Amino acid sequence: MIWQGRLDGEELLHHRIFQRVRQETDYDAVSKGDFVLHGFTVDEGVKRNKGREGAKEAPDIIRKNMSNFPVILPDFSLLDFGNISCEGGNLEQAQADLAKKVSKVLLKGARSLVLGGGHEVMYGHYLGVKTAFPEQKVGIINIDAHFDNRMPEQGIGASSGTGFWQVAQEGDIHSLHIGIQRNSNTLKLFDTAHQFGMKYILADELFFENLPSVYQRINDLCESVDVVYLTICMDVFNASIAPGVSASAYNGIFTDAAFMHFYRHILKQEKLVALDVAEVNPLYDIQDRTARLAASLVNEWLMV
């Protein structure tokens, strides 16, 4: 059993997430304001991108690490619709399956939460948001060391590193990438970002004194779009706090006061309708550090 934790009592004041989550299969059970969770047990895109495989094992481990968090809001509701897998290496079908289910959730007025899996989850989740809101501008905030705007390789196809290239092929892209590392992106990828109009904040710019600028750029993105989707690639974080990822970052960022301030600022945006975490790789994790961090970041949204 995945959802289990410390039982302090059945009264509402004692409740933890495992006591309030409902495992569901019927999308008619979704109500406005619910958090609706899907696991994306897929790392075919990581494999295609020549990364370290294993992220497909993450969703249930993140669930386990979410279970014991206390419930803060009295009307909190979390529905878990299980996992979406990748049959026969067909990444495109897995992304389409995710998109279809996410769109159902959002059309009900609920909020979509997805646990990856590789960062190929981003394109599937984005498609779900776009399917639900076809006439609206979708803004993407990507907390990541990488732009993920590579052109798909011939004979290989889409991967965990091509999502924003794919989005840009469909029209104007409205994105803000936070935590970009100079030593993790070639000049070609920076050039592609500029050509596509992808806005970004370097990891070096994420310090406390610079928070007013970071806030302003987040606000600019949110004000320019109709709905917002937040995706977090766990390889943005320093390897000491996130060792279990597909591509370790020894100079990655930390979840310090500056990070938590701007992160919570994003979560408070009324236009935010979807969030995912990606690239937790349990095969390389130490004491579930990365999974625990991912669970904690998710839990921040559940408390807003």
Protein backbone atom coordinates (compact mmCIF):
# COMPACT_ATOMS: atom_id res chain seq x y z
CA MET A 1 0.00 0.00 0.00
CA ILE A 2 1.56 3.32 -1.13
CA TRP A 3 -0.55 5.84 0.77
CA GLN A 4 0.22 5.21 4.42
CA GLY A 5 1.69 7.20 7.28
CA ARG A 6 1.49 8.04 10.95
CA LEU A 7 -2.07 7.92 12.29
CA ASP A 8 -2.54 10.50 15.05
CA GLY A 9 -6.32 10.34 14.95
CA GLU A 10 -9.37 10.53 12.71
CA GLU A 11 -10.37 14.08 13.62
CA LEU A 12 -9.72 16.69 10.90
CA LEU A 13 -7.07 18.43 12.98
CA HIS A 14 -5.00 15.23 12.95
CA HIS A 15 -5.28 14.50 9.24
CA ARG A 16 -2.32 13.74 7.03
CA ILE A 17 -2.42 13.38 3.25
CA PHE A 18 -2.70 9.59 3.28
CA GLN A 19 -5.98 9.94 5.19
CA ARG A 20 -7.50 12.28 2.63
CA VAL A 21 -6.35 10.92 -0.73
CA ARG A 22 -8.94 9.03 -2.80
CA GLN A 23 -7.87 6.54 -5.43
CA GLU A 24 -10.16 7.00 -8.44
CA THR A 25 -10.84 5.75 -11.95
CA ASP A 26 -13.97 7.76 -12.77
CA TYR A 27 -13.32 11.30 -14.03
CA ASP A 28 -16.94 12.20 -13.29
CA ALA A 29 -15.90 12.11 -9.61
CA VAL A 30 -13.64 15.14 -10.14
CA SER A 31 -14.93 18.42 -8.72
CA LYS A 32 -13.87 22.02 -9.06
CA GLY A 33 -10.91 22.82 -6.83
CA ASP A 34 -9.74 19.22 -6.43
CA PHE A 35 -6.11 18.31 -6.86
CA VAL A 36 -5.96 15.42 -9.31
CA LEU A 37 -2.82 13.30 -9.49
CA HIS A 38 -1.42 11.13 -12.27
CA GLY A 39 1.87 9.26 -12.21
CA PHE A 40 3.89 9.21 -15.43
CA THR A 41 5.96 6.04 -15.12
CA VAL A 42 7.94 6.78 -18.26
CA ASP A 43 11.60 7.45 -18.99
CA GLU A 44 11.70 6.51 -22.67
CA GLY A 45 12.49 10.17 -23.40
CA VAL A 46 15.47 10.07 -21.04
CA LYS A 47 16.68 6.94 -22.81
CA ARG A 48 16.35 8.65 -26.19
CA ASN A 49 18.19 11.68 -24.78
CA LYS A 50 21.09 9.46 -23.64
CA GLY A 51 20.42 10.13 -19.95
CA ARG A 52 20.46 7.76 -16.98
CA GLU A 53 17.35 5.58 -17.06
CA GLY A 54 15.32 4.87 -13.93
CA ALA A 55 12.99 7.86 -13.54
CA LYS A 56 10.00 5.71 -14.47
CA GLU A 57 10.24 4.17 -11.00
CA ALA A 58 9.73 7.53 -9.24
CA PRO A 59 5.97 8.25 -9.03
CA ASP A 60 5.12 5.70 -6.34
CA ILE A 61 8.19 6.63 -4.30
CA ILE A 62 7.22 10.30 -4.43
CA ARG A 63 3.69 9.34 -3.37
CA LYS A 64 5.13 7.45 -0.39
CA ASN A 65 7.08 10.55 0.63
CA MET A 66 3.99 12.76 0.28
CA SER A 67 1.82 10.55 2.46
CA ASN A 68 2.79 11.84 5.88
CA PHE A 69 2.52 15.58 5.27
CA PRO A 70 -0.18 17.22 7.41
CA VAL A 71 -3.33 18.53 5.77
CA ILE A 72 -3.50 22.29 6.27
CA LEU A 73 -6.64 23.31 4.40
CA PRO A 74 -10.04 22.03 5.66
CA ASP A 75 -11.46 21.56 2.15
CA PHE A 76 -8.35 19.76 0.81
CA SER A 77 -9.15 17.04 -1.73
CA LEU A 78 -6.64 14.87 -3.61
CA LEU A 79 -7.75 12.27 -6.15
CA ASP A 80 -5.18 9.77 -7.39
CA PHE A 81 -5.85 8.27 -10.83
CA GLY A 82 -2.84 5.97 -10.83
CA ASN A 83 -0.02 5.71 -13.34
CA ILE A 84 0.37 6.12 -17.08
CA SER A 85 3.03 3.85 -18.59
CA CYS A 86 4.83 3.59 -21.91
CA GLU A 87 4.04 0.45 -23.85
CA GLY A 88 6.59 -0.80 -26.34
CA GLY A 89 8.68 2.36 -26.16
CA ASN A 90 5.82 4.41 -27.67
CA LEU A 91 6.54 7.71 -25.91
CA GLU A 92 4.24 9.70 -28.17
CA GLN A 93 1.24 7.53 -27.21
CA ALA A 94 2.08 7.84 -23.50
CA GLN A 95 2.20 11.63 -23.84
CA ALA A 96 -1.12 11.60 -25.72
CA ASP A 97 -2.70 9.44 -22.99
CA LEU A 98 -1.50 11.86 -20.32
CA ALA A 99 -2.77 14.86 -22.29
CA LYS A 100 -6.25 13.34 -22.69
CA LYS A 101 -6.57 12.64 -18.97
CA VAL A 102 -5.19 16.02 -17.89
CA SER A 103 -7.62 17.85 -20.17
CA LYS A 104 -10.54 16.02 -18.54
CA VAL A 105 -9.33 17.14 -15.13
CA LEU A 106 -8.89 20.79 -16.10
CA LEU A 107 -12.26 20.98 -17.85
CA LYS A 108 -13.79 20.00 -14.51
CA GLY A 109 -12.17 23.03 -12.88
CA ALA A 110 -9.70 20.88 -10.94
CA ARG A 111 -5.93 21.28 -10.68
CA SER A 112 -3.58 18.85 -12.40
CA LEU A 113 -0.63 17.33 -10.56
CA VAL A 114 1.70 14.91 -12.35
CA LEU A 115 4.60 12.94 -10.90
CA GLY A 116 7.26 11.96 -13.45
CA GLY A 117 9.02 10.15 -14.93
CA GLY A 118 11.46 11.86 -17.23
CA HIS A 119 11.02 15.46 -18.33
CA GLU A 120 9.25 14.21 -21.43
CA VAL A 121 6.27 14.50 -19.07
CA MET A 122 6.37 18.24 -19.80
CA TYR A 123 5.19 17.98 -23.38
CA GLY A 124 2.37 15.57 -22.51
CA HIS A 125 1.23 17.73 -19.60
CA TYR A 126 1.40 20.88 -21.72
CA LEU A 127 -0.71 19.21 -24.42
CA GLY A 128 -3.33 18.43 -21.79
CA VAL A 129 -3.46 22.05 -20.68
CA LYS A 130 -3.62 23.27 -24.28
CA THR A 131 -6.35 20.77 -25.14
CA ALA A 132 -8.45 22.02 -22.24
CA PHE A 133 -7.85 25.68 -23.10
CA PRO A 134 -7.34 25.75 -26.89
CA GLU A 135 -8.16 29.44 -27.34
CA GLN A 136 -6.13 30.70 -24.40
CA LYS A 137 -2.47 31.59 -24.00
CA VAL A 138 -0.67 28.95 -21.94
CA GLY A 139 2.34 30.17 -20.00
CA ILE A 140 4.96 27.64 -18.93
CA ILE A 141 7.32 28.23 -16.01
CA ASN A 142 10.16 25.74 -16.19
CA ILE A 143 12.44 25.41 -13.16
CA ASP A 144 15.32 23.60 -14.79
CA ALA A 145 19.04 23.70 -15.51
CA HIS A 146 18.31 22.97 -19.18
CA PHE A 147 16.26 24.63 -21.92
CA ASP A 148 15.03 21.27 -23.30
CA ASN A 149 14.72 22.89 -26.72
CA ARG A 150 16.74 20.45 -28.81
CA MET A 151 15.53 19.54 -32.27
CA PRO A 152 14.51 15.85 -32.33
CA GLU A 153 17.15 13.61 -33.87
CA GLN A 154 16.27 11.83 -37.07
CA GLY A 155 15.39 8.23 -36.42
CA ILE A 156 15.02 8.84 -32.67
CA GLY A 157 12.22 11.36 -32.35
CA ALA A 158 11.06 13.33 -29.35
CA SER A 159 12.90 12.98 -26.06
CA SER A 160 13.16 14.51 -22.61
CA GLY A 161 15.23 17.27 -24.18
CA THR A 162 12.93 18.31 -27.04
CA GLY A 163 9.74 19.45 -25.31
CA PHE A 164 10.09 23.19 -25.76
CA TRP A 165 11.22 22.78 -29.37
CA GLN A 166 7.98 20.85 -29.93
CA VAL A 167 5.88 23.51 -28.22
CA ALA A 168 7.50 26.22 -30.35
CA GLN A 169 6.57 24.36 -33.56
CA GLU A 170 2.90 24.85 -32.72
CA GLY A 171 3.05 28.64 -32.53
CA ASP A 172 4.22 31.37 -30.20
CA ILE A 173 5.78 30.08 -27.01
CA HIS A 174 5.23 31.80 -23.68
CA SER A 175 7.78 30.44 -21.25
CA LEU A 176 10.06 31.46 -18.41
CA HIS A 177 12.97 29.16 -17.55
CA ILE A 178 14.39 29.57 -14.05
CA GLY A 179 17.73 28.11 -12.98
CA ILE A 180 19.37 27.80 -16.39
CA GLN A 181 23.03 26.78 -16.17
CA ARG A 182 25.59 28.16 -18.59
CA ASN A 183 27.61 24.95 -18.40
CA SER A 184 24.60 22.75 -19.18
CA ASN A 185 23.46 24.37 -22.44
CA THR A 186 25.43 24.87 -25.63
CA LEU A 187 25.50 28.18 -27.47
CA LYS A 188 23.15 26.57 -29.99
CA LEU A 189 20.56 25.95 -27.27
CA PHE A 190 20.89 29.54 -26.00
CA ASP A 191 20.51 30.76 -29.59
CA THR A 192 17.42 28.59 -30.09
CA ALA A 193 15.94 29.98 -26.87
CA HIS A 194 16.44 33.53 -28.14
CA GLN A 195 14.96 32.70 -31.55
CA PHE A 196 11.88 31.14 -29.95
CA GLY A 197 11.46 34.02 -27.50
CA MET A 198 12.01 31.81 -24.45
CA LYS A 199 12.66 34.06 -21.43
CA TYR A 200 15.08 32.80 -18.80
CA ILE A 201 16.74 33.51 -15.47
CA LEU A 202 20.20 32.07 -14.95
CA ALA A 203 20.98 30.06 -11.84
CA ASP A 204 23.56 32.75 -11.00
CA GLU A 205 20.74 35.30 -10.72
CA LEU A 206 18.86 33.43 -8.00
CA PHE A 207 20.01 35.17 -4.85
CA PHE A 208 18.07 37.02 -2.17
CA GLU A 209 19.03 40.56 -3.16
CA ASN A 210 17.81 39.90 -6.70
CA LEU A 211 14.35 38.68 -5.69
CA PRO A 212 12.54 41.86 -6.82
CA SER A 213 13.79 41.25 -10.36
CA VAL A 214 12.87 37.56 -10.22
CA TYR A 215 9.39 38.42 -8.92
CA GLN A 216 8.90 40.95 -11.70
CA ARG A 217 9.82 38.48 -14.42
CA ILE A 218 7.45 35.91 -12.98
CA ASN A 219 4.71 38.53 -12.85
CA ASP A 220 5.42 39.62 -16.43
CA LEU A 221 4.96 36.07 -17.69
CA CYS A 222 1.81 35.43 -15.66
CA GLU A 223 0.21 38.72 -16.68
CA SER A 224 0.85 38.03 -20.37
CA VAL A 225 -0.99 34.68 -20.46
CA ASP A 226 -4.37 33.22 -19.52
CA VAL A 227 -3.32 30.05 -17.69
CA VAL A 228 -0.02 28.97 -16.14
CA TYR A 229 1.62 25.55 -15.98
CA LEU A 230 4.67 24.93 -13.75
CA THR A 231 7.16 22.15 -14.46
CA ILE A 232 10.11 21.31 -12.22
CA CYS A 233 13.05 19.25 -13.43
CA MET A 234 14.82 18.01 -10.32
CA ASP A 235 18.25 18.18 -11.96
CA VAL A 236 18.13 21.94 -11.41
CA PHE A 237 19.12 21.29 -7.78
CA ASN A 238 22.57 20.72 -6.35
CA ALA A 239 23.63 17.07 -6.28
CA SER A 240 24.02 17.21 -2.50
CA ILE A 241 20.26 17.68 -2.04
CA ALA A 242 19.12 15.94 -5.25
CA PRO A 243 21.55 13.11 -6.00
CA GLY A 244 18.93 10.90 -7.61
CA VAL A 245 18.36 12.49 -11.00
CA SER A 246 19.02 11.61 -14.61
CA ALA A 247 21.78 14.25 -14.93
CA SER A 248 23.45 15.41 -11.71
CA ALA A 249 24.28 19.10 -11.23
CA TYR A 250 27.16 19.68 -8.85
CA ASN A 251 26.71 23.44 -9.14
CA GLY A 252 22.91 23.30 -9.04
CA ILE A 253 20.72 25.59 -6.97
CA PHE A 254 19.56 25.03 -3.39
CA THR A 255 16.11 25.28 -1.82
CA ASP A 256 17.27 28.19 0.31
CA ALA A 257 15.24 31.19 1.48
CA ALA A 258 15.56 32.95 -1.88
CA PHE A 259 14.30 29.88 -3.75
CA MET A 260 11.36 29.30 -1.42
CA HIS A 261 10.30 32.96 -1.67
CA PHE A 262 10.04 33.00 -5.47
CA TYR A 263 8.73 29.42 -5.60
CA ARG A 264 5.84 30.25 -3.28
CA HIS A 265 5.24 33.41 -5.30
CA ILE A 266 4.65 31.20 -8.35
CA LEU A 267 2.35 28.87 -6.44
CA LYS A 268 0.18 31.79 -5.33
CA GLN A 269 -0.59 32.80 -8.92
CA GLU A 270 -4.33 32.43 -9.47
CA LYS A 271 -3.74 31.33 -13.07
CA LEU A 272 -1.70 28.27 -12.05
CA VAL A 273 -3.65 25.16 -13.06
CA ALA A 274 -1.00 22.44 -13.43
CA LEU A 275 2.27 21.34 -11.86
CA ASP A 276 4.65 18.45 -12.31
CA VAL A 277 7.98 17.23 -11.01
CA ALA A 278 10.31 15.26 -13.26
CA GLU A 279 13.63 13.41 -13.40
CA VAL A 280 13.63 11.89 -9.91
CA ASN A 281 15.69 8.74 -10.46
CA PRO A 282 15.41 6.34 -7.49
CA LEU A 283 18.23 4.13 -8.82
CA TYR A 284 20.72 6.88 -7.98
CA ASP A 285 18.98 8.43 -4.98
CA ILE A 286 20.41 8.41 -1.45
CA GLN A 287 17.98 7.90 1.46
CA ASP A 288 15.15 9.14 -0.80
CA ARG A 289 16.63 12.67 -0.66
CA THR A 290 15.51 13.61 -4.17
CA ALA A 291 12.10 11.98 -3.83
CA ARG A 292 11.59 13.71 -0.47
CA LEU A 293 12.51 17.07 -2.00
CA ALA A 294 10.14 16.51 -4.92
CA ALA A 295 7.36 15.53 -2.50
CA SER A 296 8.02 18.66 -0.42
CA LEU A 297 7.83 20.91 -3.49
CA VAL A 298 4.53 19.32 -4.48
CA ASN A 299 3.21 19.69 -0.95
CA GLU A 300 3.87 23.44 -1.04
CA TRP A 301 1.15 23.71 -3.72
CA LEU A 302 -1.24 21.57 -1.69
CA MET A 303 -1.02 24.12 1.12
CA VAL A 304 -1.77 27.25 -0.93
